[in-house]
Amino acid sequence: YGNLSKYTKRTIPREVPGRPFKNKTKFEFVVDDYNEYFLNQLFEI
């Protein structure tokens, strides 16, 4: 949160080794670190 990271194109959800998603929907957003984190958590929920 507020780490001044750059806004870049990122894929949601971010893949985590050993924890694949059954839902294969992918999104691409231009976001910073915290927004990516928040979107990844929304995807899980």
ModelCIF file with pLDDT and N, C-alpha, C, O atoms, coordinates in Angstrom:
data_MODEL
#
_entry.id   MODEL 
#
_entity.id                         1 
_entity.type                       polymer 
_entity.pdbx_number_of_molecules   1 
#
_entity_poly.entity_id                      1 
_entity_poly.type                           'polypeptide(L)' 
_entity_poly.nstd_linkage                   no 
_entity_poly.nstd_monomer                   no 
_entity_poly.pdbx_seq_one_letter_code       YGNLSKYTKRTIPREVPGRPFKNKTKFEFVVDDYNEYFLNQLFEI 
_entity_poly.pdbx_seq_one_letter_code_can   YGNLSKYTKRTIPREVPGRPFKNKTKFEFVVDDYNEYFLNQLFEI 
_entity_poly.pdbx_strand_id                 A 
#
loop_
_entity_poly_seq.entity_id 
_entity_poly_seq.num 
_entity_poly_seq.mon_id 
_entity_poly_seq.hetero 
1 1  TYR n 
1 2  GLY n 
1 3  ASN n 
1 4  LEU n 
1 5  SER n 
1 6  LYS n 
1 7  TYR n 
1 8  THR n 
1 9  LYS n 
1 10 ARG n 
1 11 THR n 
1 12 ILE n 
1 13 PRO n 
1 14 ARG n 
1 15 GLU n 
1 16 VAL n 
1 17 PRO n 
1 18 GLY n 
1 19 ARG n 
1 20 PRO n 
1 21 PHE n 
1 22 LYS n 
1 23 ASN n 
1 24 LYS n 
1 25 THR n 
1 26 LYS n 
1 27 PHE n 
1 28 GLU n 
1 29 PHE n 
1 30 VAL n 
1 31 VAL n 
1 32 ASP n 
1 33 ASP n 
1 34 TYR n 
1 35 ASN n 
1 36 GLU n 
1 37 TYR n 
1 38 PHE n 
1 39 LEU n 
1 40 ASN n 
1 41 GLN n 
1 42 LEU n 
1 43 PHE n 
1 44 GLU n 
1 45 ILE n 
#
_struct_asym.id          A 
_struct_asym.entity_id   1 
#
loop_
_ma_qa_metric.id 
_ma_qa_metric.mode 
_ma_qa_metric.name 
_ma_qa_metric.software_group_id 
_ma_qa_metric.type 
1 global pLDDT . pLDDT 
2 local  pLDDT . pLDDT 
#
_ma_qa_metric_global.metric_id      1 
_ma_qa_metric_global.metric_value   97.20 
_ma_qa_metric_global.model_id       1 
_ma_qa_metric_global.ordinal_id     1 
#
loop_
_ma_qa_metric_local.label_asym_id 
_ma_qa_metric_local.label_comp_id 
_ma_qa_metric_local.label_seq_id 
_ma_qa_metric_local.metric_id 
_ma_qa_metric_local.metric_value 
_ma_qa_metric_local.model_id 
_ma_qa_metric_local.ordinal_id 
A TYR 1  2 95.00 1 1  
A GLY 2  2 94.00 1 2  
A ASN 3  2 95.00 1 3  
A LEU 4  2 96.00 1 4  
A SER 5  2 97.00 1 5  
A LYS 6  2 96.00 1 6  
A TYR 7  2 97.00 1 7  
A THR 8  2 98.00 1 8  
A LYS 9  2 98.00 1 9  
A ARG 10 2 98.00 1 10 
A THR 11 2 98.00 1 11 
A ILE 12 2 98.00 1 12 
A PRO 13 2 98.00 1 13 
A ARG 14 2 97.00 1 14 
A GLU 15 2 96.00 1 15 
A VAL 16 2 97.00 1 16 
A PRO 17 2 96.00 1 17 
A GLY 18 2 96.00 1 18 
A ARG 19 2 97.00 1 19 
A PRO 20 2 97.00 1 20 
A PHE 21 2 97.00 1 21 
A LYS 22 2 96.00 1 22 
A ASN 23 2 97.00 1 23 
A LYS 24 2 96.00 1 24 
A THR 25 2 97.00 1 25 
A LYS 26 2 98.00 1 26 
A PHE 27 2 98.00 1 27 
A GLU 28 2 98.00 1 28 
A PHE 29 2 98.00 1 29 
A VAL 30 2 98.00 1 30 
A VAL 31 2 98.00 1 31 
A ASP 32 2 97.00 1 32 
A ASP 33 2 97.00 1 33 
A TYR 34 2 97.00 1 34 
A ASN 35 2 98.00 1 35 
A GLU 36 2 98.00 1 36 
A TYR 37 2 98.00 1 37 
A PHE 38 2 98.00 1 38 
A LEU 39 2 98.00 1 39 
A ASN 40 2 98.00 1 40 
A GLN 41 2 98.00 1 41 
A LEU 42 2 98.00 1 42 
A PHE 43 2 98.00 1 43 
A GLU 44 2 98.00 1 44 
A ILE 45 2 98.00 1 45 
#
loop_
_atom_site.group_PDB 
_atom_site.id 
_atom_site.type_symbol 
_atom_site.label_atom_id 
_atom_site.label_alt_id 
_atom_site.label_comp_id 
_atom_site.label_asym_id 
_atom_site.label_entity_id 
_atom_site.label_seq_id 
_atom_site.pdbx_PDB_ins_code 
_atom_site.Cartn_x 
_atom_site.Cartn_y 
_atom_site.Cartn_z 
_atom_site.occupancy 
_atom_site.B_iso_or_equiv 
_atom_site.pdbx_formal_charge 
_atom_site.auth_seq_id 
_atom_site.auth_comp_id 
_atom_site.auth_asym_id 
_atom_site.auth_atom_id 
_atom_site.pdbx_PDB_model_num 
ATOM 1   N N  . TYR A 1 1  ? 0.842   -1.196  0.000   1.00 95.00 ? 1  TYR A N  1 
ATOM 2   C CA . TYR A 1 1  ? 0.000   0.000   0.000   1.00 95.00 ? 1  TYR A CA 1 
ATOM 3   C C  . TYR A 1 1  ? 0.880   1.248   0.000   1.00 95.00 ? 1  TYR A C  1 
ATOM 4   O O  . TYR A 1 1  ? 1.666   1.457   0.924   1.00 95.00 ? 1  TYR A O  1 
ATOM 5   N N  . GLY A 1 2  ? 0.747   2.073   -1.031  1.00 94.00 ? 2  GLY A N  1 
ATOM 6   C CA . GLY A 1 2  ? 1.476   3.337   -1.098  1.00 94.00 ? 2  GLY A CA 1 
ATOM 7   C C  . GLY A 1 2  ? 2.973   3.169   -1.234  1.00 94.00 ? 2  GLY A C  1 
ATOM 8   O O  . GLY A 1 2  ? 3.737   4.013   -0.765  1.00 94.00 ? 2  GLY A O  1 
ATOM 9   N N  . ASN A 1 3  ? 3.411   2.075   -1.880  1.00 95.00 ? 3  ASN A N  1 
ATOM 10  C CA . ASN A 1 3  ? 4.864   1.852   -2.018  1.00 95.00 ? 3  ASN A CA 1 
ATOM 11  C C  . ASN A 1 3  ? 5.448   2.539   -3.250  1.00 95.00 ? 3  ASN A C  1 
ATOM 12  O O  . ASN A 1 3  ? 6.612   2.329   -3.594  1.00 95.00 ? 3  ASN A O  1 
ATOM 13  N N  . LEU A 1 4  ? 4.627   3.365   -3.917  1.00 96.00 ? 4  LEU A N  1 
ATOM 14  C CA . LEU A 1 4  ? 5.058   4.174   -5.070  1.00 96.00 ? 4  LEU A CA 1 
ATOM 15  C C  . LEU A 1 4  ? 5.489   3.309   -6.253  1.00 96.00 ? 4  LEU A C  1 
ATOM 16  O O  . LEU A 1 4  ? 6.312   3.728   -7.067  1.00 96.00 ? 4  LEU A O  1 
ATOM 17  N N  . SER A 1 5  ? 4.933   2.107   -6.346  1.00 97.00 ? 5  SER A N  1 
ATOM 18  C CA . SER A 1 5  ? 5.227   1.233   -7.489  1.00 97.00 ? 5  SER A CA 1 
ATOM 19  C C  . SER A 1 5  ? 4.608   1.802   -8.761  1.00 97.00 ? 5  SER A C  1 
ATOM 20  O O  . SER A 1 5  ? 3.643   2.564   -8.707  1.00 97.00 ? 5  SER A O  1 
ATOM 21  N N  . LYS A 1 6  ? 5.165   1.429   -9.888  1.00 96.00 ? 6  LYS A N  1 
ATOM 22  C CA . LYS A 1 6  ? 4.689   1.936   -11.174 1.00 96.00 ? 6  LYS A CA 1 
ATOM 23  C C  . LYS A 1 6  ? 3.437   1.196   -11.634 1.00 96.00 ? 6  LYS A C  1 
ATOM 24  O O  . LYS A 1 6  ? 3.223   0.027   -11.315 1.00 96.00 ? 6  LYS A O  1 
ATOM 25  N N  . TYR A 1 7  ? 2.638   1.904   -12.378 1.00 97.00 ? 7  TYR A N  1 
ATOM 26  C CA . TYR A 1 7  ? 1.474   1.280   -13.014 1.00 97.00 ? 7  TYR A CA 1 
ATOM 27  C C  . TYR A 1 7  ? 1.938   0.587   -14.286 1.00 97.00 ? 7  TYR A C  1 
ATOM 28  O O  . TYR A 1 7  ? 2.444   1.230   -15.205 1.00 97.00 ? 7  TYR A O  1 
ATOM 29  N N  . THR A 1 8  ? 1.761   -0.732  -14.334 1.00 98.00 ? 8  THR A N  1 
ATOM 30  C CA . THR A 1 8  ? 2.145   -1.518  -15.513 1.00 98.00 ? 8  THR A CA 1 
ATOM 31  C C  . THR A 1 8  ? 1.043   -2.521  -15.800 1.00 98.00 ? 8  THR A C  1 
ATOM 32  O O  . THR A 1 8  ? 0.178   -2.761  -14.958 1.00 98.00 ? 8  THR A O  1 
ATOM 33  N N  . LYS A 1 9  ? 1.073   -3.101  -16.977 1.00 98.00 ? 9  LYS A N  1 
ATOM 34  C CA . LYS A 1 9  ? 0.076   -4.110  -17.345 1.00 98.00 ? 9  LYS A CA 1 
ATOM 35  C C  . LYS A 1 9  ? 0.355   -5.393  -16.560 1.00 98.00 ? 9  LYS A C  1 
ATOM 36  O O  . LYS A 1 9  ? 1.472   -5.910  -16.561 1.00 98.00 ? 9  LYS A O  1 
ATOM 37  N N  . ARG A 1 10 ? -0.681  -5.889  -15.894 1.00 98.00 ? 10 ARG A N  1 
ATOM 38  C CA . ARG A 1 10 ? -0.516  -7.075  -15.056 1.00 98.00 ? 10 ARG A CA 1 
ATOM 39  C C  . ARG A 1 10 ? -1.675  -8.038  -15.303 1.00 98.00 ? 10 ARG A C  1 
ATOM 40  O O  . ARG A 1 10 ? -2.796  -7.632  -15.608 1.00 98.00 ? 10 ARG A O  1 
ATOM 41  N N  . THR A 1 11 ? -1.370  -9.308  -15.164 1.00 98.00 ? 11 THR A N  1 
ATOM 42  C CA . THR A 1 11 ? -2.372  -10.351 -15.367 1.00 98.00 ? 11 THR A CA 1 
ATOM 43  C C  . THR A 1 11 ? -2.960  -10.750 -14.019 1.00 98.00 ? 11 THR A C  1 
ATOM 44  O O  . THR A 1 11 ? -2.238  -11.032 -13.062 1.00 98.00 ? 11 THR A O  1 
ATOM 45  N N  . ILE A 1 12 ? -4.306  -10.764 -13.969 1.00 98.00 ? 12 ILE A N  1 
ATOM 46  C CA . ILE A 1 12 ? -5.040  -11.183 -12.773 1.00 98.00 ? 12 ILE A CA 1 
ATOM 47  C C  . ILE A 1 12 ? -5.798  -12.464 -13.115 1.00 98.00 ? 12 ILE A C  1 
ATOM 48  O O  . ILE A 1 12 ? -6.519  -12.486 -14.112 1.00 98.00 ? 12 ILE A O  1 
ATOM 49  N N  . PRO A 1 13 ? -5.662  -13.527 -12.330 1.00 98.00 ? 13 PRO A N  1 
ATOM 50  C CA . PRO A 1 13 ? -4.874  -13.618 -11.108 1.00 98.00 ? 13 PRO A CA 1 
ATOM 51  C C  . PRO A 1 13 ? -3.404  -13.907 -11.405 1.00 98.00 ? 13 PRO A C  1 
ATOM 52  O O  . PRO A 1 13 ? -3.072  -14.503 -12.430 1.00 98.00 ? 13 PRO A O  1 
ATOM 53  N N  . ARG A 1 14 ? -2.547  -13.484 -10.512 1.00 97.00 ? 14 ARG A N  1 
ATOM 54  C CA . ARG A 1 14 ? -1.141  -13.854 -10.627 1.00 97.00 ? 14 ARG A CA 1 
ATOM 55  C C  . ARG A 1 14 ? -0.979  -15.305 -10.207 1.00 97.00 ? 14 ARG A C  1 
ATOM 56  O O  . ARG A 1 14 ? -1.468  -15.717 -9.155  1.00 97.00 ? 14 ARG A O  1 
ATOM 57  N N  . GLU A 1 15 ? -0.302  -16.062 -11.023 1.00 96.00 ? 15 GLU A N  1 
ATOM 58  C CA . GLU A 1 15 ? -0.111  -17.483 -10.741 1.00 96.00 ? 15 GLU A CA 1 
ATOM 59  C C  . GLU A 1 15 ? 0.774   -17.674 -9.518  1.00 96.00 ? 15 GLU A C  1 
ATOM 60  O O  . GLU A 1 15 ? 1.763   -16.965 -9.331  1.00 96.00 ? 15 GLU A O  1 
ATOM 61  N N  . VAL A 1 16 ? 0.397   -18.652 -8.682  1.00 97.00 ? 16 VAL A N  1 
ATOM 62  C CA . VAL A 1 16 ? 1.169   -19.014 -7.496  1.00 97.00 ? 16 VAL A CA 1 
ATOM 63  C C  . VAL A 1 16 ? 1.480   -20.499 -7.585  1.00 97.00 ? 16 VAL A C  1 
ATOM 64  O O  . VAL A 1 16 ? 0.558   -21.311 -7.646  1.00 97.00 ? 16 VAL A O  1 
ATOM 65  N N  . PRO A 1 17 ? 2.750   -20.875 -7.594  1.00 96.00 ? 17 PRO A N  1 
ATOM 66  C CA . PRO A 1 17 ? 3.117   -22.288 -7.724  1.00 96.00 ? 17 PRO A CA 1 
ATOM 67  C C  . PRO A 1 17 ? 2.418   -23.166 -6.685  1.00 96.00 ? 17 PRO A C  1 
ATOM 68  O O  . PRO A 1 17 ? 2.409   -22.857 -5.493  1.00 96.00 ? 17 PRO A O  1 
ATOM 69  N N  . GLY A 1 18 ? 1.835   -24.261 -7.162  1.00 96.00 ? 18 GLY A N  1 
ATOM 70  C CA . GLY A 1 18 ? 1.174   -25.212 -6.279  1.00 96.00 ? 18 GLY A CA 1 
ATOM 71  C C  . GLY A 1 18 ? -0.229  -24.834 -5.875  1.00 96.00 ? 18 GLY A C  1 
ATOM 72  O O  . GLY A 1 18 ? -0.884  -25.604 -5.173  1.00 96.00 ? 18 GLY A O  1 
ATOM 73  N N  . ARG A 1 19 ? -0.728  -23.656 -6.298  1.00 97.00 ? 19 ARG A N  1 
ATOM 74  C CA . ARG A 1 19 ? -2.081  -23.206 -5.935  1.00 97.00 ? 19 ARG A CA 1 
ATOM 75  C C  . ARG A 1 19 ? -2.837  -22.765 -7.190  1.00 97.00 ? 19 ARG A C  1 
ATOM 76  O O  . ARG A 1 19 ? -3.199  -21.595 -7.310  1.00 97.00 ? 19 ARG A O  1 
ATOM 77  N N  . PRO A 1 20 ? -3.078  -23.688 -8.125  1.00 97.00 ? 20 PRO A N  1 
ATOM 78  C CA . PRO A 1 20 ? -3.775  -23.299 -9.359  1.00 97.00 ? 20 PRO A CA 1 
ATOM 79  C C  . PRO A 1 20 ? -5.247  -22.975 -9.100  1.00 97.00 ? 20 PRO A C  1 
ATOM 80  O O  . PRO A 1 20 ? -5.826  -23.424 -8.110  1.00 97.00 ? 20 PRO A O  1 
ATOM 81  N N  . PHE A 1 21 ? -5.839  -22.197 -9.995  1.00 97.00 ? 21 PHE A N  1 
ATOM 82  C CA . PHE A 1 21 ? -7.256  -21.864 -9.927  1.00 97.00 ? 21 PHE A CA 1 
ATOM 83  C C  . PHE A 1 21 ? -8.052  -22.779 -10.858 1.00 97.00 ? 21 PHE A C  1 
ATOM 84  O O  . PHE A 1 21 ? -7.618  -23.063 -11.975 1.00 97.00 ? 21 PHE A O  1 
ATOM 85  N N  . LYS A 1 22 ? -9.213  -23.237 -10.399 1.00 96.00 ? 22 LYS A N  1 
ATOM 86  C CA . LYS A 1 22 ? -10.106 -23.980 -11.290 1.00 96.00 ? 22 LYS A CA 1 
ATOM 87  C C  . LYS A 1 22 ? -10.706 -23.044 -12.332 1.00 96.00 ? 22 LYS A C  1 
ATOM 88  O O  . LYS A 1 22 ? -10.889 -23.421 -13.490 1.00 96.00 ? 22 LYS A O  1 
ATOM 89  N N  . ASN A 1 23 ? -11.010 -21.816 -11.905 1.00 97.00 ? 23 ASN A N  1 
ATOM 90  C CA . ASN A 1 23 ? -11.548 -20.819 -12.834 1.00 97.00 ? 23 ASN A CA 1 
ATOM 91  C C  . ASN A 1 23 ? -10.396 -20.259 -13.671 1.00 97.00 ? 23 ASN A C  1 
ATOM 92  O O  . ASN A 1 23 ? -9.443  -19.706 -13.122 1.00 97.00 ? 23 ASN A O  1 
ATOM 93  N N  . LYS A 1 24 ? -10.480 -20.397 -14.969 1.00 96.00 ? 24 LYS A N  1 
ATOM 94  C CA . LYS A 1 24 ? -9.376  -20.021 -15.860 1.00 96.00 ? 24 LYS A CA 1 
ATOM 95  C C  . LYS A 1 24 ? -9.536  -18.623 -16.467 1.00 96.00 ? 24 LYS A C  1 
ATOM 96  O O  . LYS A 1 24 ? -8.794  -18.254 -17.377 1.00 96.00 ? 24 LYS A O  1 
ATOM 97  N N  . THR A 1 25 ? -10.502 -17.847 -15.965 1.00 97.00 ? 25 THR A N  1 
ATOM 98  C CA . THR A 1 25 ? -10.681 -16.485 -16.470 1.00 97.00 ? 25 THR A CA 1 
ATOM 99  C C  . THR A 1 25 ? -9.437  -15.655 -16.189 1.00 97.00 ? 25 THR A C  1 
ATOM 100 O O  . THR A 1 25 ? -8.865  -15.727 -15.101 1.00 97.00 ? 25 THR A O  1 
ATOM 101 N N  . LYS A 1 26 ? -9.022  -14.866 -17.177 1.00 98.00 ? 26 LYS A N  1 
ATOM 102 C CA . LYS A 1 26 ? -7.856  -13.999 -17.021 1.00 98.00 ? 26 LYS A CA 1 
ATOM 103 C C  . LYS A 1 26 ? -8.246  -12.549 -17.310 1.00 98.00 ? 26 LYS A C  1 
ATOM 104 O O  . LYS A 1 26 ? -9.085  -12.273 -18.167 1.00 98.00 ? 26 LYS A O  1 
ATOM 105 N N  . PHE A 1 27 ? -7.624  -11.641 -16.581 1.00 98.00 ? 27 PHE A N  1 
ATOM 106 C CA . PHE A 1 27 ? -7.825  -10.214 -16.803 1.00 98.00 ? 27 PHE A CA 1 
ATOM 107 C C  . PHE A 1 27 ? -6.462  -9.561  -16.984 1.00 98.00 ? 27 PHE A C  1 
ATOM 108 O O  . PHE A 1 27 ? -5.459  -10.018 -16.434 1.00 98.00 ? 27 PHE A O  1 
ATOM 109 N N  . GLU A 1 28 ? -6.444  -8.490  -17.760 1.00 98.00 ? 28 GLU A N  1 
ATOM 110 C CA . GLU A 1 28 ? -5.239  -7.668  -17.853 1.00 98.00 ? 28 GLU A CA 1 
ATOM 111 C C  . GLU A 1 28 ? -5.603  -6.231  -17.505 1.00 98.00 ? 28 GLU A C  1 
ATOM 112 O O  . GLU A 1 28 ? -6.468  -5.625  -18.139 1.00 98.00 ? 28 GLU A O  1 
ATOM 113 N N  . PHE A 1 29 ? -4.936  -5.697  -16.497 1.00 98.00 ? 29 PHE A N  1 
ATOM 114 C CA . PHE A 1 29 ? -5.193  -4.341  -16.048 1.00 98.00 ? 29 PHE A CA 1 
ATOM 115 C C  . PHE A 1 29 ? -3.864  -3.608  -15.887 1.00 98.00 ? 29 PHE A C  1 
ATOM 116 O O  . PHE A 1 29 ? -2.842  -4.212  -15.566 1.00 98.00 ? 29 PHE A O  1 
ATOM 117 N N  . VAL A 1 30 ? -3.897  -2.308  -16.114 1.00 98.00 ? 30 VAL A N  1 
ATOM 118 C CA . VAL A 1 30 ? -2.737  -1.464  -15.832 1.00 98.00 ? 30 VAL A CA 1 
ATOM 119 C C  . VAL A 1 30 ? -2.915  -0.935  -14.411 1.00 98.00 ? 30 VAL A C  1 
ATOM 120 O O  . VAL A 1 30 ? -3.713  -0.031  -14.164 1.00 98.00 ? 30 VAL A O  1 
ATOM 121 N N  . VAL A 1 31 ? -2.154  -1.519  -13.484 1.00 98.00 ? 31 VAL A N  1 
ATOM 122 C CA . VAL A 1 31 ? -2.317  -1.199  -12.065 1.00 98.00 ? 31 VAL A CA 1 
ATOM 123 C C  . VAL A 1 31 ? -0.964  -1.184  -11.368 1.00 98.00 ? 31 VAL A C  1 
ATOM 124 O O  . VAL A 1 31 ? 0.048   -1.600  -11.930 1.00 98.00 ? 31 VAL A O  1 
ATOM 125 N N  . ASP A 1 32 ? -0.969  -0.688  -10.115 1.00 97.00 ? 32 ASP A N  1 
ATOM 126 C CA . ASP A 1 32 ? 0.238   -0.726  -9.289  1.00 97.00 ? 32 ASP A CA 1 
ATOM 127 C C  . ASP A 1 32 ? 0.191   -1.963  -8.395  1.00 97.00 ? 32 ASP A C  1 
ATOM 128 O O  . ASP A 1 32 ? -0.697  -2.805  -8.533  1.00 97.00 ? 32 ASP A O  1 
ATOM 129 N N  . ASP A 1 33 ? 1.160   -2.065  -7.471  1.00 97.00 ? 33 ASP A N  1 
ATOM 130 C CA . ASP A 1 33 ? 1.278   -3.268  -6.649  1.00 97.00 ? 33 ASP A CA 1 
ATOM 131 C C  . ASP A 1 33 ? 0.052   -3.505  -5.774  1.00 97.00 ? 33 ASP A C  1 
ATOM 132 O O  . ASP A 1 33 ? -0.456  -4.623  -5.694  1.00 97.00 ? 33 ASP A O  1 
ATOM 133 N N  . TYR A 1 34 ? -0.427  -2.429  -5.109  1.00 97.00 ? 34 TYR A N  1 
ATOM 134 C CA . TYR A 1 34 ? -1.532  -2.664  -4.175  1.00 97.00 ? 34 TYR A CA 1 
ATOM 135 C C  . TYR A 1 34 ? -2.825  -3.003  -4.909  1.00 97.00 ? 34 TYR A C  1 
ATOM 136 O O  . TYR A 1 34 ? -3.572  -3.874  -4.465  1.00 97.00 ? 34 TYR A O  1 
ATOM 137 N N  . ASN A 1 35 ? -3.100  -2.332  -6.022  1.00 98.00 ? 35 ASN A N  1 
ATOM 138 C CA . ASN A 1 35 ? -4.301  -2.668  -6.776  1.00 98.00 ? 35 ASN A CA 1 
ATOM 139 C C  . ASN A 1 35 ? -4.225  -4.088  -7.325  1.00 98.00 ? 35 ASN A C  1 
ATOM 140 O O  . ASN A 1 35 ? -5.241  -4.779  -7.391  1.00 98.00 ? 35 ASN A O  1 
ATOM 141 N N  . GLU A 1 36 ? -3.029  -4.533  -7.720  1.00 98.00 ? 36 GLU A N  1 
ATOM 142 C CA . GLU A 1 36 ? -2.878  -5.917  -8.172  1.00 98.00 ? 36 GLU A CA 1 
ATOM 143 C C  . GLU A 1 36 ? -3.183  -6.875  -7.025  1.00 98.00 ? 36 GLU A C  1 
ATOM 144 O O  . GLU A 1 36 ? -3.900  -7.860  -7.203  1.00 98.00 ? 36 GLU A O  1 
ATOM 145 N N  . TYR A 1 37 ? -2.632  -6.578  -5.841  1.00 98.00 ? 37 TYR A N  1 
ATOM 146 C CA . TYR A 1 37 ? -2.879  -7.394  -4.648  1.00 98.00 ? 37 TYR A CA 1 
ATOM 147 C C  . TYR A 1 37 ? -4.378  -7.476  -4.359  1.00 98.00 ? 37 TYR A C  1 
ATOM 148 O O  . TYR A 1 37 ? -4.910  -8.556  -4.100  1.00 98.00 ? 37 TYR A O  1 
ATOM 149 N N  . PHE A 1 38 ? -5.041  -6.346  -4.406  1.00 98.00 ? 38 PHE A N  1 
ATOM 150 C CA . PHE A 1 38 ? -6.473  -6.290  -4.104  1.00 98.00 ? 38 PHE A CA 1 
ATOM 151 C C  . PHE A 1 38 ? -7.273  -7.078  -5.138  1.00 98.00 ? 38 PHE A C  1 
ATOM 152 O O  . PHE A 1 38 ? -8.199  -7.805  -4.778  1.00 98.00 ? 38 PHE A O  1 
ATOM 153 N N  . LEU A 1 39 ? -6.928  -6.943  -6.411  1.00 98.00 ? 39 LEU A N  1 
ATOM 154 C CA . LEU A 1 39 ? -7.627  -7.666  -7.472  1.00 98.00 ? 39 LEU A CA 1 
ATOM 155 C C  . LEU A 1 39 ? -7.402  -9.168  -7.362  1.00 98.00 ? 39 LEU A C  1 
ATOM 156 O O  . LEU A 1 39 ? -8.327  -9.951  -7.581  1.00 98.00 ? 39 LEU A O  1 
ATOM 157 N N  . ASN A 1 40 ? -6.182  -9.575  -7.026  1.00 98.00 ? 40 ASN A N  1 
ATOM 158 C CA . ASN A 1 40 ? -5.905  -10.998 -6.831  1.00 98.00 ? 40 ASN A CA 1 
ATOM 159 C C  . ASN A 1 40 ? -6.766  -11.575 -5.712  1.00 98.00 ? 40 ASN A C  1 
ATOM 160 O O  . ASN A 1 40 ? -7.283  -12.685 -5.831  1.00 98.00 ? 40 ASN A O  1 
ATOM 161 N N  . GLN A 1 41 ? -6.919  -10.820 -4.625  1.00 98.00 ? 41 GLN A N  1 
ATOM 162 C CA . GLN A 1 41 ? -7.734  -11.298 -3.518  1.00 98.00 ? 41 GLN A CA 1 
ATOM 163 C C  . GLN A 1 41 ? -9.214  -11.331 -3.894  1.00 98.00 ? 41 GLN A C  1 
ATOM 164 O O  . GLN A 1 41 ? -9.929  -12.262 -3.522  1.00 98.00 ? 41 GLN A O  1 
ATOM 165 N N  . LEU A 1 42 ? -9.674  -10.324 -4.626  1.00 98.00 ? 42 LEU A N  1 
ATOM 166 C CA . LEU A 1 42 ? -11.050 -10.361 -5.120  1.00 98.00 ? 42 LEU A CA 1 
ATOM 167 C C  . LEU A 1 42 ? -11.289 -11.590 -5.986  1.00 98.00 ? 42 LEU A C  1 
ATOM 168 O O  . LEU A 1 42 ? -12.334 -12.232 -5.885  1.00 98.00 ? 42 LEU A O  1 
ATOM 169 N N  . PHE A 1 43 ? -10.318 -11.919 -6.838  1.00 98.00 ? 43 PHE A N  1 
ATOM 170 C CA . PHE A 1 43 ? -10.453 -13.085 -7.715  1.00 98.00 ? 43 PHE A CA 1 
ATOM 171 C C  . PHE A 1 43 ? -10.627 -14.352 -6.878  1.00 98.00 ? 43 PHE A C  1 
ATOM 172 O O  . PHE A 1 43 ? -11.492 -15.176 -7.175  1.00 98.00 ? 43 PHE A O  1 
ATOM 173 N N  . GLU A 1 44 ? -9.816  -14.512 -5.838  1.00 98.00 ? 44 GLU A N  1 
ATOM 174 C CA . GLU A 1 44 ? -9.942  -15.690 -4.974  1.00 98.00 ? 44 GLU A CA 1 
ATOM 175 C C  . GLU A 1 44 ? -11.338 -15.774 -4.365  1.00 98.00 ? 44 GLU A C  1 
ATOM 176 O O  . GLU A 1 44 ? -11.994 -16.814 -4.426  1.00 98.00 ? 44 GLU A O  1 
ATOM 177 N N  . ILE A 1 45 ? -11.773 -14.679 -3.785  1.00 98.00 ? 45 ILE A N  1 
ATOM 178 C CA . ILE A 1 45 ? -13.046 -14.655 -3.070  1.00 98.00 ? 45 ILE A CA 1 
ATOM 179 C C  . ILE A 1 45 ? -14.222 -14.931 -4.001  1.00 98.00 ? 45 ILE A C  1 
ATOM 180 O O  . ILE A 1 45 ? -15.370 -14.946 -3.557  1.00 98.00 ? 45 ILE A O  1 
#
